[in-house]
Amino acid sequence: MTDVDRSAGGDAAGDTPGVDPGVAPGIAAGIAEVEEQMTALAARIRATTREAAAAIHPDLPPIGYKMLRVIRRCGTAHASAVADQLGVDRSVVSRQLRQLQDLGLVEVGADAQDGRVRVLALTNAGRAGVEADDAQGGSRLIRGLGEWSRADLDAFAGYLARLNAGGEAVARTPVALIP
């Protein structure tokens, strides 16, 4: 669809791939544009996560980087809660946890209330890696947001919250990482 088509309201919804034919034509074109931009954003997120992981350790995979960020945010966390927070199977966290330990980035201890439960904490090296990432601008993805006005940031956050609240398949309720 060209810019002229977009400004004119676009094609009928039925002509816009992936959009419900019952949606009004102008809305269908807008939905298609949002999907296109979200796809570009997802690709950017994946790329910046890979870069950030490699900056901490060349063998650190993106999921390991995400685990480090969750543990850092919480101080300590149960392995199962990290899996829930990241929306991945617990076996993924278990495999990645071994690699994070081998890289010297995470240590595992027993929970004080339940010795069967594993509690994850960053090692000094893990903490230093995440802090160095923060010093480089933290999330490389959001550096450009520092140039936005407060009103634009509030509007964007509101739109994201609205999208995330739109359905259970999209939004997950944050979980308590340590009871």
C-alpha atoms as a PDB file:
ATOM      1  CA  MET A   1       0.000   0.000   0.000  1.00  0.00           C
ATOM      2  CA  THR A   2       1.372   3.428  -0.900  1.00  0.00           C
ATOM      3  CA  ASP A   3       1.365   6.525   1.285  1.00  0.00           C
ATOM      4  CA  VAL A   4      -1.410   7.877  -0.939  1.00  0.00           C
ATOM      5  CA  ASP A   5      -3.479   4.736  -0.259  1.00  0.00           C
ATOM      6  CA  ARG A   6      -2.890   5.129   3.498  1.00  0.00           C
ATOM      7  CA  SER A   7      -3.914   8.773   3.536  1.00  0.00           C
ATOM      8  CA  ALA A   8      -7.055   7.918   1.591  1.00  0.00           C
ATOM      9  CA  GLY A   9      -8.010   5.229   4.092  1.00  0.00           C
ATOM     10  CA  GLY A  10      -6.487   2.252   2.310  1.00  0.00           C
ATOM     11  CA  ASP A  11      -8.194  -0.698   0.735  1.00  0.00           C
ATOM     12  CA  ALA A  12     -11.186  -2.507   2.111  1.00  0.00           C
ATOM     13  CA  ALA A  13     -10.413  -4.533   5.226  1.00  0.00           C
ATOM     14  CA  GLY A  14     -10.899  -7.725   3.260  1.00  0.00           C
ATOM     15  CA  ASP A  15      -8.000  -6.683   1.019  1.00  0.00           C
ATOM     16  CA  THR A  16      -5.621  -6.190   3.952  1.00  0.00           C
ATOM     17  CA  PRO A  17      -3.916  -9.513   4.759  1.00  0.00           C
ATOM     18  CA  GLY A  18      -4.354 -10.681   8.336  1.00  0.00           C
ATOM     19  CA  VAL A  19      -7.050  -8.133   9.193  1.00  0.00           C
ATOM     20  CA  ASP A  20     -10.615  -9.178   9.993  1.00  0.00           C
ATOM     21  CA  PRO A  21     -12.806  -8.371   6.969  1.00  0.00           C
ATOM     22  CA  GLY A  22     -15.396  -6.864   9.336  1.00  0.00           C
ATOM     23  CA  VAL A  23     -13.025  -4.034  10.292  1.00  0.00           C
ATOM     24  CA  ALA A  24     -13.601  -0.636   8.679  1.00  0.00           C
ATOM     25  CA  PRO A  25     -11.239   0.084   5.751  1.00  0.00           C
ATOM     26  CA  GLY A  26      -9.354   2.986   7.368  1.00  0.00           C
ATOM     27  CA  ILE A  27      -8.934   0.992  10.565  1.00  0.00           C
ATOM     28  CA  ALA A  28      -7.699  -2.052   8.614  1.00  0.00           C
ATOM     29  CA  ALA A  29      -4.930   0.005   7.012  1.00  0.00           C
ATOM     30  CA  GLY A  30      -3.968   1.370  10.426  1.00  0.00           C
ATOM     31  CA  ILE A  31      -3.862  -2.120  11.922  1.00  0.00           C
ATOM     32  CA  ALA A  32      -1.661  -3.310   9.061  1.00  0.00           C
ATOM     33  CA  GLU A  33       0.732  -0.396   9.677  1.00  0.00           C
ATOM     34  CA  VAL A  34       0.843  -1.140  13.425  1.00  0.00           C
ATOM     35  CA  GLU A  35       1.617  -4.803  12.676  1.00  0.00           C
ATOM     36  CA  GLU A  36       4.397  -3.767  10.299  1.00  0.00           C
ATOM     37  CA  GLN A  37       5.931  -1.438  12.894  1.00  0.00           C
ATOM     38  CA  MET A  38       5.595  -4.038  15.667  1.00  0.00           C
ATOM     39  CA  THR A  39       7.391  -6.583  13.466  1.00  0.00           C
ATOM     40  CA  ALA A  40      10.209  -4.071  12.943  1.00  0.00           C
ATOM     41  CA  LEU A  41      10.291  -3.361  16.691  1.00  0.00           C
ATOM     42  CA  ALA A  42      10.465  -7.079  17.524  1.00  0.00           C
ATOM     43  CA  ALA A  43      13.406  -7.500  15.131  1.00  0.00           C
ATOM     44  CA  ARG A  44      15.126  -4.519  16.736  1.00  0.00           C
ATOM     45  CA  ILE A  45      14.554  -5.947  20.208  1.00  0.00           C
ATOM     46  CA  ARG A  46      16.073  -9.289  19.162  1.00  0.00           C
ATOM     47  CA  ALA A  47      19.120  -7.581  17.637  1.00  0.00           C
ATOM     48  CA  THR A  48      19.752  -5.301  20.610  1.00  0.00           C
ATOM     49  CA  THR A  49      19.343  -8.197  23.040  1.00  0.00           C
ATOM     50  CA  ARG A  50      21.944 -10.218  21.100  1.00  0.00           C
ATOM     51  CA  GLU A  51      24.337  -7.233  21.177  1.00  0.00           C
ATOM     52  CA  ALA A  52      23.844  -6.679  24.895  1.00  0.00           C
ATOM     53  CA  ALA A  53      24.366 -10.364  25.677  1.00  0.00           C
ATOM     54  CA  ALA A  54      27.596 -10.480  23.662  1.00  0.00           C
ATOM     55  CA  ALA A  55      28.851  -7.347  25.431  1.00  0.00           C
ATOM     56  CA  ILE A  56      28.552  -9.122  28.792  1.00  0.00           C
ATOM     57  CA  HIS A  57      30.113 -12.377  27.575  1.00  0.00           C
ATOM     58  CA  PRO A  58      30.678 -13.662  24.027  1.00  0.00           C
ATOM     59  CA  ASP A  59      29.048 -17.009  24.896  1.00  0.00           C
ATOM     60  CA  LEU A  60      25.985 -15.494  26.599  1.00  0.00           C
ATOM     61  CA  PRO A  61      22.781 -16.218  24.637  1.00  0.00           C
ATOM     62  CA  PRO A  62      19.954 -13.656  24.553  1.00  0.00           C
ATOM     63  CA  ILE A  63      17.763 -15.705  26.937  1.00  0.00           C
ATOM     64  CA  GLY A  64      20.648 -15.754  29.414  1.00  0.00           C
ATOM     65  CA  TYR A  65      20.881 -11.964  29.153  1.00  0.00           C
ATOM     66  CA  LYS A  66      17.158 -11.681  29.861  1.00  0.00           C
ATOM     67  CA  MET A  67      17.549 -13.956  32.879  1.00  0.00           C
ATOM     68  CA  LEU A  68      20.363 -11.761  34.216  1.00  0.00           C
ATOM     69  CA  ARG A  69      18.146  -8.670  33.876  1.00  0.00           C
ATOM     70  CA  VAL A  70      15.269 -10.345  35.744  1.00  0.00           C
ATOM     71  CA  ILE A  71      17.537 -11.535  38.553  1.00  0.00           C
ATOM     72  CA  ARG A  72      19.183  -8.097  38.778  1.00  0.00           C
ATOM     73  CA  ARG A  73      15.814  -6.367  38.994  1.00  0.00           C
ATOM     74  CA  CYS A  74      14.718  -8.673  41.823  1.00  0.00           C
ATOM     75  CA  GLY A  75      17.957  -9.160  43.735  1.00  0.00           C
ATOM     76  CA  THR A  76      17.292 -12.897  43.973  1.00  0.00           C
ATOM     77  CA  ALA A  77      14.674 -15.033  42.290  1.00  0.00           C
ATOM     78  CA  HIS A  78      13.335 -18.557  42.199  1.00  0.00           C
ATOM     79  CA  ALA A  79      14.129 -20.345  38.942  1.00  0.00           C
ATOM     80  CA  SER A  80      10.435 -21.107  38.375  1.00  0.00           C
ATOM     81  CA  ALA A  81       9.498 -17.448  38.833  1.00  0.00           C
ATOM     82  CA  VAL A  82      12.152 -16.385  36.300  1.00  0.00           C
ATOM     83  CA  ALA A  83      10.602 -18.826  33.812  1.00  0.00           C
ATOM     84  CA  ASP A  84       7.147 -17.411  34.510  1.00  0.00           C
ATOM     85  CA  GLN A  85       8.374 -13.822  34.187  1.00  0.00           C
ATOM     86  CA  LEU A  86      10.035 -14.535  30.840  1.00  0.00           C
ATOM     87  CA  GLY A  87       7.169 -16.664  29.563  1.00  0.00           C
ATOM     88  CA  VAL A  88       9.375 -19.682  28.885  1.00  0.00           C
ATOM     89  CA  ASP A  89       9.281 -23.305  29.939  1.00  0.00           C
ATOM     90  CA  ARG A  90      11.116 -24.101  33.159  1.00  0.00           C
ATOM     91  CA  SER A  91      13.387 -26.495  31.276  1.00  0.00           C
ATOM     92  CA  VAL A  92      14.695 -23.521  29.268  1.00  0.00           C
ATOM     93  CA  VAL A  93      15.636 -21.711  32.478  1.00  0.00           C
ATOM     94  CA  SER A  94      17.212 -24.870  33.862  1.00  0.00           C
ATOM     95  CA  ARG A  95      19.442 -25.317  30.784  1.00  0.00           C
ATOM     96  CA  GLN A  96      20.370 -21.649  30.658  1.00  0.00           C
ATOM     97  CA  LEU A  97      21.047 -21.600  34.374  1.00  0.00           C
ATOM     98  CA  ARG A  98      23.763 -24.217  33.950  1.00  0.00           C
ATOM     99  CA  GLN A  99      25.392 -22.086  31.269  1.00  0.00           C
ATOM    100  CA  LEU A 100      25.130 -18.924  33.400  1.00  0.00           C
ATOM    101  CA  GLN A 101      26.800 -20.793  36.247  1.00  0.00           C
ATOM    102  CA  ASP A 102      29.535 -22.109  33.927  1.00  0.00           C
ATOM    103  CA  LEU A 103      30.156 -18.537  32.730  1.00  0.00           C
ATOM    104  CA  GLY A 104      30.417 -17.407  36.360  1.00  0.00           C
ATOM    105  CA  LEU A 105      27.488 -14.985  36.081  1.00  0.00           C
ATOM    106  CA  VAL A 106      24.924 -16.598  38.416  1.00  0.00           C
ATOM    107  CA  GLU A 107      25.090 -18.586  41.616  1.00  0.00           C
ATOM    108  CA  VAL A 108      22.417 -20.924  42.911  1.00  0.00           C
ATOM    109  CA  GLY A 109      21.477 -21.491  46.514  1.00  0.00           C
ATOM    110  CA  ALA A 110      18.719 -23.209  48.460  1.00  0.00           C
ATOM    111  CA  ASP A 111      15.666 -21.257  49.574  1.00  0.00           C
ATOM    112  CA  ALA A 112      15.655 -20.639  53.335  1.00  0.00           C
ATOM    113  CA  GLN A 113      11.989 -21.704  53.663  1.00  0.00           C
ATOM    114  CA  ASP A 114      12.121 -24.651  51.266  1.00  0.00           C
ATOM    115  CA  GLY A 115      15.476 -26.289  50.610  1.00  0.00           C
ATOM    116  CA  ARG A 116      14.109 -27.989  47.477  1.00  0.00           C
ATOM    117  CA  VAL A 117      13.640 -24.633  45.742  1.00  0.00           C
ATOM    118  CA  ARG A 118      16.580 -22.991  43.973  1.00  0.00           C
ATOM    119  CA  VAL A 119      17.268 -19.293  44.518  1.00  0.00           C
ATOM    120  CA  LEU A 120      19.257 -17.488  41.845  1.00  0.00           C
ATOM    121  CA  ALA A 121      21.553 -14.533  42.458  1.00  0.00           C
ATOM    122  CA  LEU A 122      24.063 -12.684  40.329  1.00  0.00           C
ATOM    123  CA  THR A 123      27.719 -13.254  41.061  1.00  0.00           C
ATOM    124  CA  ASN A 124      30.031 -10.246  41.227  1.00  0.00           C
ATOM    125  CA  ALA A 125      30.910 -10.902  37.573  1.00  0.00           C
ATOM    126  CA  GLY A 126      27.227 -11.103  36.612  1.00  0.00           C
ATOM    127  CA  ARG A 127      26.423  -7.909  38.479  1.00  0.00           C
ATOM    128  CA  ALA A 128      29.417  -6.142  36.902  1.00  0.00           C
ATOM    129  CA  GLY A 129      28.323  -7.257  33.426  1.00  0.00           C
ATOM    130  CA  VAL A 130      24.784  -5.954  33.867  1.00  0.00           C
ATOM    131  CA  GLU A 131      26.056  -2.711  35.424  1.00  0.00           C
ATOM    132  CA  ALA A 132      28.454  -2.216  32.498  1.00  0.00           C
ATOM    133  CA  ASP A 133      25.522  -2.754  30.140  1.00  0.00           C
ATOM    134  CA  ASP A 134      23.538  -0.157  32.101  1.00  0.00           C
ATOM    135  CA  ALA A 135      26.459   2.282  31.879  1.00  0.00           C
ATOM    136  CA  GLN A 136      26.487   1.846  28.091  1.00  0.00           C
ATOM    137  CA  GLY A 137      22.936   3.086  27.939  1.00  0.00           C
ATOM    138  CA  GLY A 138      21.113   0.118  29.379  1.00  0.00           C
ATOM    139  CA  SER A 139      18.627  -1.047  26.868  1.00  0.00           C
ATOM    140  CA  ARG A 140      20.084   0.013  23.551  1.00  0.00           C
ATOM    141  CA  LEU A 141      16.569  -0.147  22.217  1.00  0.00           C
ATOM    142  CA  ILE A 142      15.293   2.775  24.243  1.00  0.00           C
ATOM    143  CA  ARG A 143      18.204   5.210  23.970  1.00  0.00           C
ATOM    144  CA  GLY A 144      16.292   7.264  21.421  1.00  0.00           C
ATOM    145  CA  LEU A 145      13.358   7.661  23.783  1.00  0.00           C
ATOM    146  CA  GLY A 146      15.419  10.173  25.782  1.00  0.00           C
ATOM    147  CA  GLU A 147      14.756  12.647  22.987  1.00  0.00           C
ATOM    148  CA  TRP A 148      10.977  12.276  23.224  1.00  0.00           C
ATOM    149  CA  SER A 149       8.800  14.716  25.149  1.00  0.00           C
ATOM    150  CA  ARG A 150       7.213  13.598  28.409  1.00  0.00           C
ATOM    151  CA  ALA A 151       3.799  13.834  26.738  1.00  0.00           C
ATOM    152  CA  ASP A 152       4.925  11.522  23.913  1.00  0.00           C
ATOM    153  CA  LEU A 153       6.409   9.041  26.410  1.00  0.00           C
ATOM    154  CA  ASP A 154       3.213   9.045  28.481  1.00  0.00           C
ATOM    155  CA  ALA A 155       1.088   8.531  25.364  1.00  0.00           C
ATOM    156  CA  PHE A 156       3.314   5.689  24.116  1.00  0.00           C
ATOM    157  CA  ALA A 157       3.287   3.982  27.523  1.00  0.00           C
ATOM    158  CA  GLY A 158      -0.488   4.339  27.610  1.00  0.00           C
ATOM    159  CA  TYR A 159      -0.873   2.799  24.163  1.00  0.00           C
ATOM    160  CA  LEU A 160       1.375  -0.120  25.096  1.00  0.00           C
ATOM    161  CA  ALA A 161      -0.540  -0.675  28.344  1.00  0.00           C
ATOM    162  CA  ARG A 162      -3.804  -0.589  26.409  1.00  0.00           C
ATOM    163  CA  LEU A 163      -2.490  -3.119  23.880  1.00  0.00           C
ATOM    164  CA  ASN A 164      -1.148  -5.389  26.623  1.00  0.00           C
ATOM    165  CA  ALA A 165      -4.446  -5.261  28.496  1.00  0.00           C
ATOM    166  CA  GLY A 166      -6.309  -6.249  25.331  1.00  0.00           C
ATOM    167  CA  GLY A 167      -6.126  -9.967  25.854  1.00  0.00           C
ATOM    168  CA  GLU A 168      -4.673 -12.680  27.980  1.00  0.00           C
ATOM    169  CA  ALA A 169      -2.705 -14.002  25.017  1.00  0.00           C
ATOM    170  CA  VAL A 170      -0.851 -10.681  24.827  1.00  0.00           C
ATOM    171  CA  ALA A 171      -0.498  -9.696  28.471  1.00  0.00           C
ATOM    172  CA  ARG A 172       0.826 -11.639  31.428  1.00  0.00           C
ATOM    173  CA  THR A 173       0.378 -10.566  34.997  1.00  0.00           C
ATOM    174  CA  PRO A 174       3.768  -9.943  36.627  1.00  0.00           C
ATOM    175  CA  VAL A 175       4.607 -12.641  39.135  1.00  0.00           C
ATOM    176  CA  ALA A 176       6.194 -12.344  42.537  1.00  0.00           C
ATOM    177  CA  LEU A 177       9.718 -13.603  42.072  1.00  0.00           C
ATOM    178  CA  ILE A 178      10.386 -14.380  45.726  1.00  0.00           C
ATOM    179  CA  PRO A 179       7.368 -14.990  47.970  1.00  0.00           C
END
